[in-house]
N, C-alpha and C. Protein backbone atom coordinates (compact mmCIF):
# COMPACT_ATOMS: atom_id res chain seq x y z
N MET A 1 20.21 13.91 33.07
CA MET A 1 21.58 14.19 32.74
C MET A 1 21.68 14.82 31.35
N LEU A 2 20.97 14.26 30.40
CA LEU A 2 21.00 14.78 29.03
C LEU A 2 20.38 16.17 28.97
N ASN A 3 19.31 16.38 29.73
CA ASN A 3 18.68 17.71 29.76
C ASN A 3 19.64 18.76 30.30
N LYS A 4 20.37 18.41 31.33
CA LYS A 4 21.34 19.35 31.93
C LYS A 4 22.45 19.66 30.93
N LEU A 5 22.90 18.66 30.19
CA LEU A 5 23.95 18.85 29.18
C LEU A 5 23.47 19.80 28.08
N ILE A 6 22.26 19.58 27.60
CA ILE A 6 21.72 20.44 26.54
C ILE A 6 21.53 21.86 27.06
N GLN A 7 21.08 22.00 28.29
CA GLN A 7 20.89 23.33 28.87
C GLN A 7 22.24 24.05 29.00
N THR A 8 23.27 23.34 29.41
CA THR A 8 24.59 23.95 29.57
C THR A 8 25.15 24.38 28.22
N VAL A 9 24.99 23.54 27.20
CA VAL A 9 25.48 23.87 25.86
C VAL A 9 24.68 25.02 25.28
N ALA A 10 23.37 25.05 25.51
CA ALA A 10 22.50 26.07 24.93
C ALA A 10 22.72 27.45 25.54
N GLU A 11 23.31 27.53 26.72
CA GLU A 11 23.55 28.84 27.35
C GLU A 11 24.48 29.70 26.52
N LYS A 12 25.40 29.07 25.81
CA LYS A 12 26.41 29.82 25.05
C LYS A 12 26.01 30.03 23.60
N LEU A 13 24.83 29.52 23.19
CA LEU A 13 24.41 29.62 21.79
C LEU A 13 23.37 30.72 21.60
N ASP A 14 23.27 31.19 20.35
CA ASP A 14 22.22 32.15 20.01
C ASP A 14 20.89 31.42 19.88
N ALA A 15 19.81 32.18 19.83
CA ALA A 15 18.48 31.59 19.72
C ALA A 15 18.32 30.83 18.41
N SER A 16 18.87 31.35 17.33
CA SER A 16 18.75 30.66 16.04
C SER A 16 19.52 29.33 16.05
N GLU A 17 20.66 29.30 16.72
CA GLU A 17 21.43 28.06 16.81
C GLU A 17 20.70 27.02 17.67
N VAL A 18 20.03 27.46 18.71
CA VAL A 18 19.25 26.55 19.56
C VAL A 18 18.08 25.98 18.76
N ARG A 19 17.43 26.84 17.96
CA ARG A 19 16.32 26.35 17.12
C ARG A 19 16.81 25.36 16.08
N THR A 20 17.97 25.60 15.51
CA THR A 20 18.55 24.66 14.54
C THR A 20 18.82 23.32 15.21
N MET A 21 19.37 23.36 16.42
CA MET A 21 19.63 22.14 17.16
C MET A 21 18.31 21.43 17.51
N SER A 22 17.29 22.20 17.86
CA SER A 22 15.99 21.62 18.17
C SER A 22 15.38 20.94 16.95
N ASN A 23 15.48 21.59 15.80
CA ASN A 23 14.96 20.98 14.56
C ASN A 23 15.70 19.70 14.23
N TYR A 24 17.00 19.70 14.44
CA TYR A 24 17.79 18.50 14.17
C TYR A 24 17.40 17.35 15.11
N LEU A 25 17.21 17.68 16.39
CA LEU A 25 16.78 16.65 17.35
C LEU A 25 15.39 16.11 17.01
N LYS A 26 14.50 17.00 16.54
CA LYS A 26 13.17 16.56 16.14
C LYS A 26 13.24 15.64 14.94
N THR A 27 14.11 15.95 13.98
CA THR A 27 14.29 15.10 12.81
C THR A 27 14.81 13.72 13.21
N LEU A 28 15.75 13.69 14.14
CA LEU A 28 16.26 12.41 14.63
C LEU A 28 15.16 11.60 15.33
N ALA A 29 14.36 12.28 16.13
CA ALA A 29 13.28 11.59 16.85
C ALA A 29 12.24 11.04 15.88
N ASP A 30 11.90 11.81 14.84
CA ASP A 30 10.93 11.35 13.85
C ASP A 30 11.46 10.14 13.08
N ALA A 31 12.73 10.16 12.73
CA ALA A 31 13.33 9.04 12.00
C ALA A 31 13.35 7.79 12.88
N LYS A 32 13.66 7.97 14.15
CA LYS A 32 13.69 6.82 15.07
C LYS A 32 12.29 6.25 15.27
N LYS A 33 11.29 7.13 15.36
CA LYS A 33 9.91 6.68 15.53
C LYS A 33 9.44 5.92 14.30
N ALA A 34 9.80 6.41 13.11
CA ALA A 34 9.42 5.73 11.87
C ALA A 34 10.10 4.38 11.77
N ALA A 35 11.35 4.28 12.20
CA ALA A 35 12.07 3.01 12.16
C ALA A 35 11.45 2.01 13.14
N ASP A 36 11.05 2.48 14.31
CA ASP A 36 10.42 1.60 15.29
C ASP A 36 9.05 1.14 14.82
N LYS A 37 8.34 2.01 14.11
CA LYS A 37 7.01 1.67 13.63
C LYS A 37 7.08 0.66 12.49
N ALA A 38 8.14 0.68 11.71
CA ALA A 38 8.27 -0.21 10.56
C ALA A 38 8.53 -1.64 10.99
N LYS A 39 9.12 -1.85 12.14
CA LYS A 39 9.42 -3.20 12.61
C LYS A 39 8.17 -3.84 13.20
N PRO A 40 7.66 -4.91 12.59
CA PRO A 40 6.51 -5.58 13.19
C PRO A 40 6.96 -6.44 14.38
N ALA A 41 6.11 -6.53 15.34
CA ALA A 41 6.42 -7.35 16.51
C ALA A 41 6.35 -8.82 16.12
N PRO A 42 7.32 -9.62 16.50
CA PRO A 42 7.29 -11.03 16.11
C PRO A 42 6.16 -11.78 16.80
N GLY A 43 5.51 -12.63 16.05
CA GLY A 43 4.46 -13.46 16.60
C GLY A 43 3.09 -12.82 16.64
N GLN A 44 2.98 -11.57 16.27
CA GLN A 44 1.68 -10.91 16.27
C GLN A 44 1.21 -10.76 14.83
N LYS A 45 0.06 -11.35 14.55
CA LYS A 45 -0.52 -11.25 13.21
C LYS A 45 -1.76 -10.38 13.30
N LYS A 46 -2.03 -9.69 12.22
CA LYS A 46 -3.23 -8.88 12.19
C LYS A 46 -4.45 -9.77 12.00
N ALA A 47 -5.50 -9.40 12.69
CA ALA A 47 -6.75 -10.14 12.55
C ALA A 47 -7.38 -9.76 11.21
N PRO A 48 -8.03 -10.71 10.55
CA PRO A 48 -8.66 -10.37 9.28
C PRO A 48 -9.81 -9.40 9.49
N LYS A 49 -10.04 -8.57 8.50
CA LYS A 49 -11.11 -7.60 8.59
C LYS A 49 -12.46 -8.31 8.47
N ALA A 50 -13.43 -7.80 9.19
CA ALA A 50 -14.77 -8.38 9.15
C ALA A 50 -15.44 -8.02 7.83
N THR A 51 -16.06 -9.01 7.21
CA THR A 51 -16.77 -8.78 5.96
C THR A 51 -18.13 -9.44 6.04
N LEU A 52 -19.02 -8.96 5.21
CA LEU A 52 -20.34 -9.57 5.12
C LEU A 52 -20.30 -10.63 4.04
N LYS A 53 -20.81 -11.79 4.35
CA LYS A 53 -20.82 -12.88 3.40
C LYS A 53 -22.27 -13.13 2.98
N VAL A 54 -22.54 -12.95 1.70
CA VAL A 54 -23.89 -13.13 1.19
C VAL A 54 -23.87 -14.32 0.25
N ASN A 55 -24.65 -15.33 0.57
CA ASN A 55 -24.78 -16.49 -0.28
C ASN A 55 -25.97 -16.31 -1.20
N LYS A 56 -25.87 -16.84 -2.40
CA LYS A 56 -26.99 -16.72 -3.32
C LYS A 56 -28.19 -17.51 -2.81
N ALA A 57 -27.96 -18.61 -2.15
CA ALA A 57 -29.07 -19.41 -1.64
C ALA A 57 -29.86 -18.66 -0.57
N SER A 58 -29.17 -17.99 0.33
CA SER A 58 -29.87 -17.26 1.37
C SER A 58 -30.51 -16.00 0.81
N ASN A 59 -29.90 -15.41 -0.19
CA ASN A 59 -30.44 -14.21 -0.81
C ASN A 59 -31.66 -14.56 -1.65
N LYS A 60 -31.73 -15.74 -2.17
CA LYS A 60 -32.84 -16.18 -3.01
C LYS A 60 -34.13 -16.29 -2.20
N GLN A 61 -34.03 -16.64 -0.95
CA GLN A 61 -35.21 -16.82 -0.12
C GLN A 61 -35.92 -15.51 0.20
N ILE A 62 -35.26 -14.41 0.03
CA ILE A 62 -35.86 -13.11 0.34
C ILE A 62 -37.05 -12.84 -0.59
N TYR A 63 -36.92 -13.22 -1.86
CA TYR A 63 -37.92 -12.88 -2.86
C TYR A 63 -38.87 -14.04 -3.17
N ASP A 64 -38.97 -15.03 -2.32
CA ASP A 64 -39.86 -16.15 -2.58
C ASP A 64 -41.33 -15.73 -2.63
N ASP A 65 -41.71 -14.70 -1.92
CA ASP A 65 -43.11 -14.26 -1.92
C ASP A 65 -43.51 -13.59 -3.22
N TYR A 66 -42.56 -13.12 -3.99
CA TYR A 66 -42.88 -12.32 -5.17
C TYR A 66 -42.73 -13.06 -6.48
N ASP A 67 -42.23 -14.25 -6.47
CA ASP A 67 -42.03 -14.93 -7.75
C ASP A 67 -43.36 -15.50 -8.26
N GLY A 68 -43.38 -15.93 -9.50
CA GLY A 68 -44.60 -16.40 -10.13
C GLY A 68 -44.91 -17.85 -9.90
N ARG A 69 -44.16 -18.52 -9.07
CA ARG A 69 -44.36 -19.94 -8.85
C ARG A 69 -45.44 -20.23 -7.81
N ASP A 70 -45.98 -19.22 -7.20
CA ASP A 70 -47.04 -19.43 -6.21
C ASP A 70 -48.35 -19.81 -6.91
N ASP A 71 -49.30 -20.18 -6.12
CA ASP A 71 -50.63 -20.42 -6.68
C ASP A 71 -51.17 -19.09 -7.20
N PHE A 72 -51.65 -19.12 -8.43
CA PHE A 72 -52.08 -17.88 -9.06
C PHE A 72 -53.35 -17.35 -8.43
N ASP A 73 -54.25 -18.21 -8.09
CA ASP A 73 -55.55 -17.77 -7.60
C ASP A 73 -55.66 -17.98 -6.09
N ASP A 74 -54.85 -17.29 -5.35
CA ASP A 74 -54.91 -17.42 -3.89
C ASP A 74 -56.21 -16.87 -3.33
N TYR A 75 -56.75 -15.83 -3.97
CA TYR A 75 -57.94 -15.17 -3.46
C TYR A 75 -59.16 -15.42 -4.36
N GLU A 76 -59.21 -16.54 -5.04
CA GLU A 76 -60.32 -16.77 -5.96
C GLU A 76 -61.64 -17.00 -5.21
N ASP A 77 -61.57 -17.42 -3.98
CA ASP A 77 -62.81 -17.63 -3.22
C ASP A 77 -63.15 -16.41 -2.37
N PHE A 78 -62.58 -15.27 -2.69
CA PHE A 78 -62.83 -14.07 -1.91
C PHE A 78 -64.27 -13.62 -2.05
N MET A 79 -64.84 -13.64 -3.24
CA MET A 79 -66.22 -13.20 -3.43
C MET A 79 -67.07 -14.29 -3.96
């Protein structure tokens, strides 16, 4: 119904007037879309973003092979 109304009205208008009307309708549609997007849906919460959690205790175990606390002469009986 609305399409037929716009078509009937546009028959009597110039091309520039139809483009002006089209731009105005697009502006209205964009404003309505922005207003709908701004309203959050009730009861829906965003999930927290996934992050990597690094503990110092777990990170410390990575370098246990390289610290100086090991036995100094592991290979003393090599030769």
